[in-house]
Amino acid sequence: MITIDLRGFGRSTAPSDFASIHLYTTDVLGLLDFLKIDSAIIGGHSMGGAITLEMYRLAPQRFRGMILLDPVAFPPPTVEQFLWRRY
């Protein structure tokens, strides 16, 4: 199992530009490439669920299965987006 601290979470640095589901999606796909993982069972919780769905839209061949736990369906509110930029 691999768990990821997205940019701006945990001990990682926040994105210098606007954080987005697409940005996080390309980060995760890039990590899979770096680790030479061609396909996997991919899951996400909350915002990670939205990232997982975007990954599936862009690269369905990477999925052997999908696990979604309480995925968000809408972008974060403006206040939360502003807080992401502070870190």
PDB file of N, CA and C in Angstrom:
ATOM      1  N   MET A   1       0.853  -1.165   0.000  1.00  0.00           N
ATOM      2  CA  MET A   1       0.000   0.000   0.000  1.00  0.00           C
ATOM      3  C   MET A   1       0.902   1.232   0.000  1.00  0.00           C
ATOM      4  N   ILE A   2       0.533   2.182  -0.801  1.00  0.00           N
ATOM      5  CA  ILE A   2       1.245   3.452  -0.876  1.00  0.00           C
ATOM      6  C   ILE A   2       0.263   4.549  -0.485  1.00  0.00           C
ATOM      7  N   THR A   3       0.653   5.388   0.464  1.00  0.00           N
ATOM      8  CA  THR A   3      -0.154   6.555   0.812  1.00  0.00           C
ATOM      9  C   THR A   3       0.646   7.797   0.438  1.00  0.00           C
ATOM     10  N   ILE A   4      -0.062   8.835   0.076  1.00  0.00           N
ATOM     11  CA  ILE A   4       0.583  10.027  -0.481  1.00  0.00           C
ATOM     12  C   ILE A   4       0.179  11.265   0.309  1.00  0.00           C
ATOM     13  N   ASP A   5       1.164  12.103   0.619  1.00  0.00           N
ATOM     14  CA  ASP A   5       0.877  13.460   1.090  1.00  0.00           C
ATOM     15  C   ASP A   5       0.858  14.342  -0.150  1.00  0.00           C
ATOM     16  N   LEU A   6      -0.314  14.815  -0.508  1.00  0.00           N
ATOM     17  CA  LEU A   6      -0.413  15.719  -1.655  1.00  0.00           C
ATOM     18  C   LEU A   6       0.279  17.037  -1.339  1.00  0.00           C
ATOM     19  N   ARG A   7       0.606  17.789  -2.365  1.00  0.00           N
ATOM     20  CA  ARG A   7       1.232  19.093  -2.159  1.00  0.00           C
ATOM     21  C   ARG A   7       0.390  19.918  -1.184  1.00  0.00           C
ATOM     22  N   GLY A   8       1.064  20.491  -0.184  1.00  0.00           N
ATOM     23  CA  GLY A   8       0.379  21.325   0.786  1.00  0.00           C
ATOM     24  C   GLY A   8      -0.196  20.557   1.967  1.00  0.00           C
ATOM     25  N   PHE A   9      -0.065  19.251   1.983  1.00  0.00           N
ATOM     26  CA  PHE A   9      -0.555  18.417   3.079  1.00  0.00           C
ATOM     27  C   PHE A   9       0.631  17.702   3.714  1.00  0.00           C
ATOM     28  N   GLY A  10       0.477  17.316   4.982  1.00  0.00           N
ATOM     29  CA  GLY A  10       1.581  16.637   5.661  1.00  0.00           C
ATOM     30  C   GLY A  10       2.797  17.534   5.705  1.00  0.00           C
ATOM     31  N   ARG A  11       3.938  17.004   5.323  1.00  0.00           N
ATOM     32  CA  ARG A  11       5.180  17.779   5.343  1.00  0.00           C
ATOM     33  C   ARG A  11       5.571  18.281   3.959  1.00  0.00           C
ATOM     34  N   SER A  12       4.671  18.165   3.011  1.00  0.00           N
ATOM     35  CA  SER A  12       4.985  18.599   1.656  1.00  0.00           C
ATOM     36  C   SER A  12       4.760  20.101   1.489  1.00  0.00           C
ATOM     37  N   THR A  13       5.375  20.649   0.465  1.00  0.00           N
ATOM     38  CA  THR A  13       5.258  22.073   0.167  1.00  0.00           C
ATOM     39  C   THR A  13       3.984  22.330  -0.625  1.00  0.00           C
ATOM     40  N   ALA A  14       3.322  23.431  -0.329  1.00  0.00           N
ATOM     41  CA  ALA A  14       2.105  23.799  -1.059  1.00  0.00           C
ATOM     42  C   ALA A  14       2.448  24.165  -2.491  1.00  0.00           C
ATOM     43  N   PRO A  15       1.514  23.976  -3.413  1.00  0.00           N
ATOM     44  CA  PRO A  15       1.758  24.369  -4.800  1.00  0.00           C
ATOM     45  C   PRO A  15       2.011  25.874  -4.892  1.00  0.00           C
ATOM     46  N   SER A  16       2.908  26.244  -5.788  1.00  0.00           N
ATOM     47  CA  SER A  16       3.183  27.675  -5.960  1.00  0.00           C
ATOM     48  C   SER A  16       2.051  28.363  -6.702  1.00  0.00           C
ATOM     49  N   ASP A  17       1.317  27.603  -7.486  1.00  0.00           N
ATOM     50  CA  ASP A  17       0.165  28.168  -8.191  1.00  0.00           C
ATOM     51  C   ASP A  17      -1.108  27.615  -7.555  1.00  0.00           C
ATOM     52  N   PHE A  18      -2.215  27.755  -8.210  1.00  0.00           N
ATOM     53  CA  PHE A  18      -3.506  27.322  -7.682  1.00  0.00           C
ATOM     54  C   PHE A  18      -3.578  25.797  -7.603  1.00  0.00           C
ATOM     55  N   ALA A  19      -3.935  25.284  -6.437  1.00  0.00           N
ATOM     56  CA  ALA A  19      -4.119  23.841  -6.275  1.00  0.00           C
ATOM     57  C   ALA A  19      -5.393  23.419  -6.990  1.00  0.00           C
ATOM     58  N   SER A  20      -5.354  22.261  -7.629  1.00  0.00           N
ATOM     59  CA  SER A  20      -6.541  21.775  -8.328  1.00  0.00           C
ATOM     60  C   SER A  20      -6.541  20.251  -8.343  1.00  0.00           C
ATOM     61  N   ILE A  21      -7.688  19.684  -8.586  1.00  0.00           N
ATOM     62  CA  ILE A  21      -7.796  18.233  -8.720  1.00  0.00           C
ATOM     63  C   ILE A  21      -6.903  17.763  -9.857  1.00  0.00           C
ATOM     64  N   HIS A  22      -6.878  18.508 -10.960  1.00  0.00           N
ATOM     65  CA  HIS A  22      -6.042  18.110 -12.096  1.00  0.00           C
ATOM     66  C   HIS A  22      -4.554  18.116 -11.718  1.00  0.00           C
ATOM     67  N   LEU A  23      -4.116  19.119 -10.972  1.00  0.00           N
ATOM     68  CA  LEU A  23      -2.717  19.182 -10.540  1.00  0.00           C
ATOM     69  C   LEU A  23      -2.376  17.967  -9.685  1.00  0.00           C
ATOM     70  N   TYR A  24      -3.224  17.665  -8.705  1.00  0.00           N
ATOM     71  CA  TYR A  24      -2.968  16.517  -7.845  1.00  0.00           C
ATOM     72  C   TYR A  24      -3.024  15.208  -8.634  1.00  0.00           C
ATOM     73  N   THR A  25      -3.920  15.132  -9.611  1.00  0.00           N
ATOM     74  CA  THR A  25      -4.026  13.941 -10.444  1.00  0.00           C
ATOM     75  C   THR A  25      -2.735  13.698 -11.206  1.00  0.00           C
ATOM     76  N   THR A  26      -2.201  14.729 -11.822  1.00  0.00           N
ATOM     77  CA  THR A  26      -0.948  14.556 -12.572  1.00  0.00           C
ATOM     78  C   THR A  26       0.204  14.222 -11.631  1.00  0.00           C
ATOM     79  N   ASP A  27       0.184  14.752 -10.407  1.00  0.00           N
ATOM     80  CA  ASP A  27       1.201  14.384  -9.422  1.00  0.00           C
ATOM     81  C   ASP A  27       1.152  12.891  -9.115  1.00  0.00           C
ATOM     82  N   VAL A  28      -0.049  12.365  -8.873  1.00  0.00           N
ATOM     83  CA  VAL A  28      -0.184  10.951  -8.520  1.00  0.00           C
ATOM     84  C   VAL A  28       0.185  10.063  -9.707  1.00  0.00           C
ATOM     85  N   LEU A  29      -0.260  10.420 -10.888  1.00  0.00           N
ATOM     86  CA  LEU A  29       0.129   9.638 -12.072  1.00  0.00           C
ATOM     87  C   LEU A  29       1.643   9.689 -12.271  1.00  0.00           C
ATOM     88  N   GLY A  30       2.246  10.831 -12.014  1.00  0.00           N
ATOM     89  CA  GLY A  30       3.702  10.951 -12.111  1.00  0.00           C
ATOM     90  C   GLY A  30       4.407  10.067 -11.094  1.00  0.00           C
ATOM     91  N   LEU A  31       3.855   9.968  -9.885  1.00  0.00           N
ATOM     92  CA  LEU A  31       4.436   9.088  -8.872  1.00  0.00           C
ATOM     93  C   LEU A  31       4.351   7.631  -9.318  1.00  0.00           C
ATOM     94  N   LEU A  32       3.206   7.231  -9.865  1.00  0.00           N
ATOM     95  CA  LEU A  32       3.081   5.862 -10.371  1.00  0.00           C
ATOM     96  C   LEU A  32       4.117   5.594 -11.455  1.00  0.00           C
ATOM     97  N   ASP A  33       4.324   6.564 -12.342  1.00  0.00           N
ATOM     98  CA  ASP A  33       5.354   6.422 -13.379  1.00  0.00           C
ATOM     99  C   ASP A  33       6.736   6.262 -12.746  1.00  0.00           C
ATOM    100  N   PHE A  34       7.048   7.131 -11.781  1.00  0.00           N
ATOM    101  CA  PHE A  34       8.346   7.106 -11.113  1.00  0.00           C
ATOM    102  C   PHE A  34       8.591   5.759 -10.435  1.00  0.00           C
ATOM    103  N   LEU A  35       7.555   5.204  -9.820  1.00  0.00           N
ATOM    104  CA  LEU A  35       7.667   3.917  -9.124  1.00  0.00           C
ATOM    105  C   LEU A  35       7.523   2.728 -10.075  1.00  0.00           C
ATOM    106  N   LYS A  36       7.315   3.014 -11.368  1.00  0.00           N
ATOM    107  CA  LYS A  36       7.151   1.984 -12.403  1.00  0.00           C
ATOM    108  C   LYS A  36       5.975   1.045 -12.100  1.00  0.00           C
ATOM    109  N   ILE A  37       4.871   1.648 -11.653  1.00  0.00           N
ATOM    110  CA  ILE A  37       3.636   0.904 -11.398  1.00  0.00           C
ATOM    111  C   ILE A  37       2.705   1.145 -12.577  1.00  0.00           C
ATOM    112  N   ASP A  38       2.514   0.101 -13.380  1.00  0.00           N
ATOM    113  CA  ASP A  38       1.689   0.239 -14.579  1.00  0.00           C
ATOM    114  C   ASP A  38       0.202   0.238 -14.273  1.00  0.00           C
ATOM    115  N   SER A  39      -0.215  -0.598 -13.312  1.00  0.00           N
ATOM    116  CA  SER A  39      -1.628  -0.647 -12.936  1.00  0.00           C
ATOM    117  C   SER A  39      -1.726  -1.059 -11.475  1.00  0.00           C
ATOM    118  N   ALA A  40      -2.827  -0.654 -10.862  1.00  0.00           N
ATOM    119  CA  ALA A  40      -3.012  -0.919  -9.438  1.00  0.00           C
ATOM    120  C   ALA A  40      -4.482  -0.783  -9.081  1.00  0.00           C
ATOM    121  N   ILE A  41      -4.816  -1.226  -7.892  1.00  0.00           N
ATOM    122  CA  ILE A  41      -6.108  -0.892  -7.309  1.00  0.00           C
ATOM    123  C   ILE A  41      -5.899   0.467  -6.651  1.00  0.00           C
ATOM    124  N   ILE A  42      -6.621   1.457  -7.119  1.00  0.00           N
ATOM    125  CA  ILE A  42      -6.397   2.842  -6.692  1.00  0.00           C
ATOM    126  C   ILE A  42      -7.620   3.313  -5.919  1.00  0.00           C
ATOM    127  N   GLY A  43      -7.363   3.937  -4.786  1.00  0.00           N
ATOM    128  CA  GLY A  43      -8.459   4.409  -3.960  1.00  0.00           C
ATOM    129  C   GLY A  43      -8.227   5.808  -3.460  1.00  0.00           C
ATOM    130  N   GLY A  44      -9.315   6.426  -3.038  1.00  0.00           N
ATOM    131  CA  GLY A  44      -9.216   7.761  -2.487  1.00  0.00           C
ATOM    132  C   GLY A  44     -10.356   8.042  -1.539  1.00  0.00           C
ATOM    133  N   HIS A  45     -10.051   8.863  -0.551  1.00  0.00           N
ATOM    134  CA  HIS A  45     -11.040   9.275   0.444  1.00  0.00           C
ATOM    135  C   HIS A  45     -11.248  10.778   0.323  1.00  0.00           C
ATOM    136  N   SER A  46     -12.485  11.216   0.380  1.00  0.00           N
ATOM    137  CA  SER A  46     -12.829  12.634   0.326  1.00  0.00           C
ATOM    138  C   SER A  46     -12.298  13.236  -0.979  1.00  0.00           C
ATOM    139  N   MET A  47     -11.423  14.236  -0.894  1.00  0.00           N
ATOM    140  CA  MET A  47     -10.882  14.833  -2.113  1.00  0.00           C
ATOM    141  C   MET A  47     -10.083  13.805  -2.917  1.00  0.00           C
ATOM    142  N   GLY A  48      -9.494  12.835  -2.223  1.00  0.00           N
ATOM    143  CA  GLY A  48      -8.783  11.763  -2.924  1.00  0.00           C
ATOM    144  C   GLY A  48      -9.696  10.963  -3.842  1.00  0.00           C
ATOM    145  N   GLY A  49     -10.982  10.899  -3.498  1.00  0.00           N
ATOM    146  CA  GLY A  49     -11.946  10.235  -4.374  1.00  0.00           C
ATOM    147  C   GLY A  49     -12.113  10.987  -5.681  1.00  0.00           C
ATOM    148  N   ALA A  50     -12.158  12.310  -5.595  1.00  0.00           N
ATOM    149  CA  ALA A  50     -12.249  13.125  -6.816  1.00  0.00           C
ATOM    150  C   ALA A  50     -10.985  12.975  -7.650  1.00  0.00           C
ATOM    151  N   ILE A  51      -9.842  12.894  -6.998  1.00  0.00           N
ATOM    152  CA  ILE A  51      -8.575  12.693  -7.714  1.00  0.00           C
ATOM    153  C   ILE A  51      -8.578  11.329  -8.391  1.00  0.00           C
ATOM    154  N   THR A  52      -9.050  10.307  -7.679  1.00  0.00           N
ATOM    155  CA  THR A  52      -9.119   8.959  -8.246  1.00  0.00           C
ATOM    156  C   THR A  52     -10.012   8.930  -9.481  1.00  0.00           C
ATOM    157  N   LEU A  53     -11.162   9.589  -9.420  1.00  0.00           N
ATOM    158  CA  LEU A  53     -12.060   9.628 -10.584  1.00  0.00           C
ATOM    159  C   LEU A  53     -11.413  10.363 -11.763  1.00  0.00           C
ATOM    160  N   GLU A  54     -10.694  11.443 -11.486  1.00  0.00           N
ATOM    161  CA  GLU A  54     -10.003  12.162 -12.561  1.00  0.00           C
ATOM    162  C   GLU A  54      -8.880  11.307 -13.135  1.00  0.00           C
ATOM    163  N   MET A  55      -8.195  10.549 -12.282  1.00  0.00           N
ATOM    164  CA  MET A  55      -7.166   9.628 -12.783  1.00  0.00           C
ATOM    165  C   MET A  55      -7.787   8.609 -13.725  1.00  0.00           C
ATOM    166  N   TYR A  56      -8.945   8.094 -13.346  1.00  0.00           N
ATOM    167  CA  TYR A  56      -9.617   7.108 -14.192  1.00  0.00           C
ATOM    168  C   TYR A  56     -10.032   7.719 -15.527  1.00  0.00           C
ATOM    169  N   ARG A  57     -10.472   8.966 -15.494  1.00  0.00           N
ATOM    170  CA  ARG A  57     -10.857   9.640 -16.736  1.00  0.00           C
ATOM    171  C   ARG A  57      -9.652   9.797 -17.665  1.00  0.00           C
ATOM    172  N   LEU A  58      -8.496  10.113 -17.094  1.00  0.00           N
ATOM    173  CA  LEU A  58      -7.303  10.353 -17.905  1.00  0.00           C
ATOM    174  C   LEU A  58      -6.532   9.085 -18.258  1.00  0.00           C
ATOM    175  N   ALA A  59      -6.567   8.083 -17.377  1.00  0.00           N
ATOM    176  CA  ALA A  59      -5.727   6.901 -17.593  1.00  0.00           C
ATOM    177  C   ALA A  59      -6.413   5.636 -17.085  1.00  0.00           C
ATOM    178  N   PRO A  60      -7.532   5.241 -17.693  1.00  0.00           N
ATOM    179  CA  PRO A  60      -8.266   4.072 -17.196  1.00  0.00           C
ATOM    180  C   PRO A  60      -7.439   2.780 -17.242  1.00  0.00           C
ATOM    181  N   GLN A  61      -6.462   2.706 -18.108  1.00  0.00           N
ATOM    182  CA  GLN A  61      -5.632   1.511 -18.224  1.00  0.00           C
ATOM    183  C   GLN A  61      -4.763   1.284 -16.990  1.00  0.00           C
ATOM    184  N   ARG A  62      -4.623   2.295 -16.134  1.00  0.00           N
ATOM    185  CA  ARG A  62      -3.811   2.172 -14.924  1.00  0.00           C
ATOM    186  C   ARG A  62      -4.561   1.470 -13.796  1.00  0.00           C
ATOM    187  N   PHE A  63      -5.862   1.231 -13.964  1.00  0.00           N
ATOM    188  CA  PHE A  63      -6.708   0.710 -12.889  1.00  0.00           C
ATOM    189  C   PHE A  63      -6.953  -0.783 -13.016  1.00  0.00           C
ATOM    190  N   ARG A  64      -6.635  -1.518 -11.949  1.00  0.00           N
ATOM    191  CA  ARG A  64      -7.073  -2.902 -11.804  1.00  0.00           C
ATOM    192  C   ARG A  64      -8.336  -2.943 -10.966  1.00  0.00           C
ATOM    193  N   GLY A  65      -8.587  -1.874 -10.239  1.00  0.00           N
ATOM    194  CA  GLY A  65      -9.771  -1.739  -9.404  1.00  0.00           C
ATOM    195  C   GLY A  65      -9.797  -0.340  -8.829  1.00  0.00           C
ATOM    196  N   MET A  66     -10.930   0.019  -8.213  1.00  0.00           N
ATOM    197  CA  MET A  66     -11.084   1.357  -7.652  1.00  0.00           C
ATOM    198  C   MET A  66     -11.834   1.257  -6.321  1.00  0.00           C
ATOM    199  N   ILE A  67     -11.361   2.031  -5.346  1.00  0.00           N
ATOM    200  CA  ILE A  67     -12.026   2.120  -4.049  1.00  0.00           C
ATOM    201  C   ILE A  67     -12.286   3.599  -3.775  1.00  0.00           C
ATOM    202  N   LEU A  68     -13.546   3.952  -3.559  1.00  0.00           N
ATOM    203  CA  LEU A  68     -13.914   5.332  -3.240  1.00  0.00           C
ATOM    204  C   LEU A  68     -14.559   5.363  -1.859  1.00  0.00           C
ATOM    205  N   LEU A  69     -14.023   6.215  -0.978  1.00  0.00           N
ATOM    206  CA  LEU A  69     -14.555   6.363   0.369  1.00  0.00           C
ATOM    207  C   LEU A  69     -15.015   7.795   0.559  1.00  0.00           C
ATOM    208  N   ASP A  70     -16.318   8.001   0.590  1.00  0.00           N
ATOM    209  CA  ASP A  70     -16.900   9.317   0.821  1.00  0.00           C
ATOM    210  C   ASP A  70     -16.290  10.392  -0.094  1.00  0.00           C
ATOM    211  N   PRO A  71     -16.291  10.155  -1.420  1.00  0.00           N
ATOM    212  CA  PRO A  71     -15.669  11.132  -2.327  1.00  0.00           C
ATOM    213  C   PRO A  71     -16.455  12.437  -2.386  1.00  0.00           C
ATOM    214  N   VAL A  72     -15.739  13.532  -2.571  1.00  0.00           N
ATOM    215  CA  VAL A  72     -16.398  14.824  -2.768  1.00  0.00           C
ATOM    216  C   VAL A  72     -16.794  14.933  -4.232  1.00  0.00           C
ATOM    217  N   ALA A  73     -17.917  15.583  -4.468  1.00  0.00           N
ATOM    218  CA  ALA A  73     -18.401  15.724  -5.838  1.00  0.00           C
ATOM    219  C   ALA A  73     -18.244  17.152  -6.356  1.00  0.00           C
ATOM    220  N   PHE A  74     -17.939  18.082  -5.467  1.00  0.00           N
ATOM    221  CA  PHE A  74     -17.849  19.485  -5.857  1.00  0.00           C
ATOM    222  C   PHE A  74     -16.493  20.034  -5.460  1.00  0.00           C
ATOM    223  N   PRO A  75     -16.008  21.061  -6.147  1.00  0.00           N
ATOM    224  CA  PRO A  75     -14.750  21.689  -5.747  1.00  0.00           C
ATOM    225  C   PRO A  75     -14.881  22.306  -4.359  1.00  0.00           C
ATOM    226  N   PRO A  76     -13.750  22.484  -3.661  1.00  0.00           N
ATOM    227  CA  PRO A  76     -13.828  23.089  -2.332  1.00  0.00           C
ATOM    228  C   PRO A  76     -14.319  24.524  -2.404  1.00  0.00           C
ATOM    229  N   PRO A  77     -14.940  24.993  -1.324  1.00  0.00           N
ATOM    230  CA  PRO A  77     -15.408  26.380  -1.315  1.00  0.00           C
ATOM    231  C   PRO A  77     -14.228  27.354  -1.379  1.00  0.00           C
ATOM    232  N   THR A  78     -14.522  28.576  -1.750  1.00  0.00           N
ATOM    233  CA  THR A  78     -13.494  29.600  -1.934  1.00  0.00           C
ATOM    234  C   THR A  78     -12.630  29.779  -0.696  1.00  0.00           C
ATOM    235  N   VAL A  79     -13.238  29.772   0.479  1.00  0.00           N
ATOM    236  CA  VAL A  79     -12.466  29.959   1.710  1.00  0.00           C
ATOM    237  C   VAL A  79     -11.434  28.856   1.871  1.00  0.00           C
ATOM    238  N   GLU A  80     -11.830  27.616   1.617  1.00  0.00           N
ATOM    239  CA  GLU A  80     -10.893  26.505   1.742  1.00  0.00           C
ATOM    240  C   GLU A  80      -9.787  26.612   0.698  1.00  0.00           C
ATOM    241  N   GLN A  81     -10.125  27.013  -0.524  1.00  0.00           N
ATOM    242  CA  GLN A  81      -9.102  27.190  -1.555  1.00  0.00           C
ATOM    243  C   GLN A  81      -8.084  28.243  -1.122  1.00  0.00           C
ATOM    244  N   PHE A  82      -8.557  29.312  -0.482  1.00  0.00           N
ATOM    245  CA  PHE A  82      -7.650  30.358  -0.002  1.00  0.00           C
ATOM    246  C   PHE A  82      -6.714  29.800   1.065  1.00  0.00           C
ATOM    247  N   LEU A  83      -7.249  28.969   1.966  1.00  0.00           N
ATOM    248  CA  LEU A  83      -6.417  28.388   3.022  1.00  0.00           C
ATOM    249  C   LEU A  83      -5.337  27.490   2.427  1.00  0.00           C
ATOM    250  N   TRP A  84      -5.647  26.764   1.352  1.00  0.00           N
ATOM    251  CA  TRP A  84      -4.643  25.909   0.713  1.00  0.00           C
ATOM    252  C   TRP A  84      -3.465  26.751   0.246  1.00  0.00           C
ATOM    253  N   ARG A  85      -3.723  27.937  -0.268  1.00  0.00           N
ATOM    254  CA  ARG A  85      -2.669  28.771  -0.827  1.00  0.00           C
ATOM    255  C   ARG A  85      -1.727  29.321   0.241  1.00  0.00           C
ATOM    256  N   ARG A  86      -2.178  29.367   1.496  1.00  0.00           N
ATOM    257  CA  ARG A  86      -1.351  29.923   2.561  1.00  0.00           C
ATOM    258  C   ARG A  86      -0.208  29.014   2.962  1.00  0.00           C
ATOM    259  N   TYR A  87      -0.306  27.722   2.721  1.00  0.00           N
ATOM    260  CA  TYR A  87       0.684  26.781   3.230  1.00  0.00           C
ATOM    261  C   TYR A  87       1.795  26.533   2.260  1.00  0.00           C
TER     262      TYR A  87
END
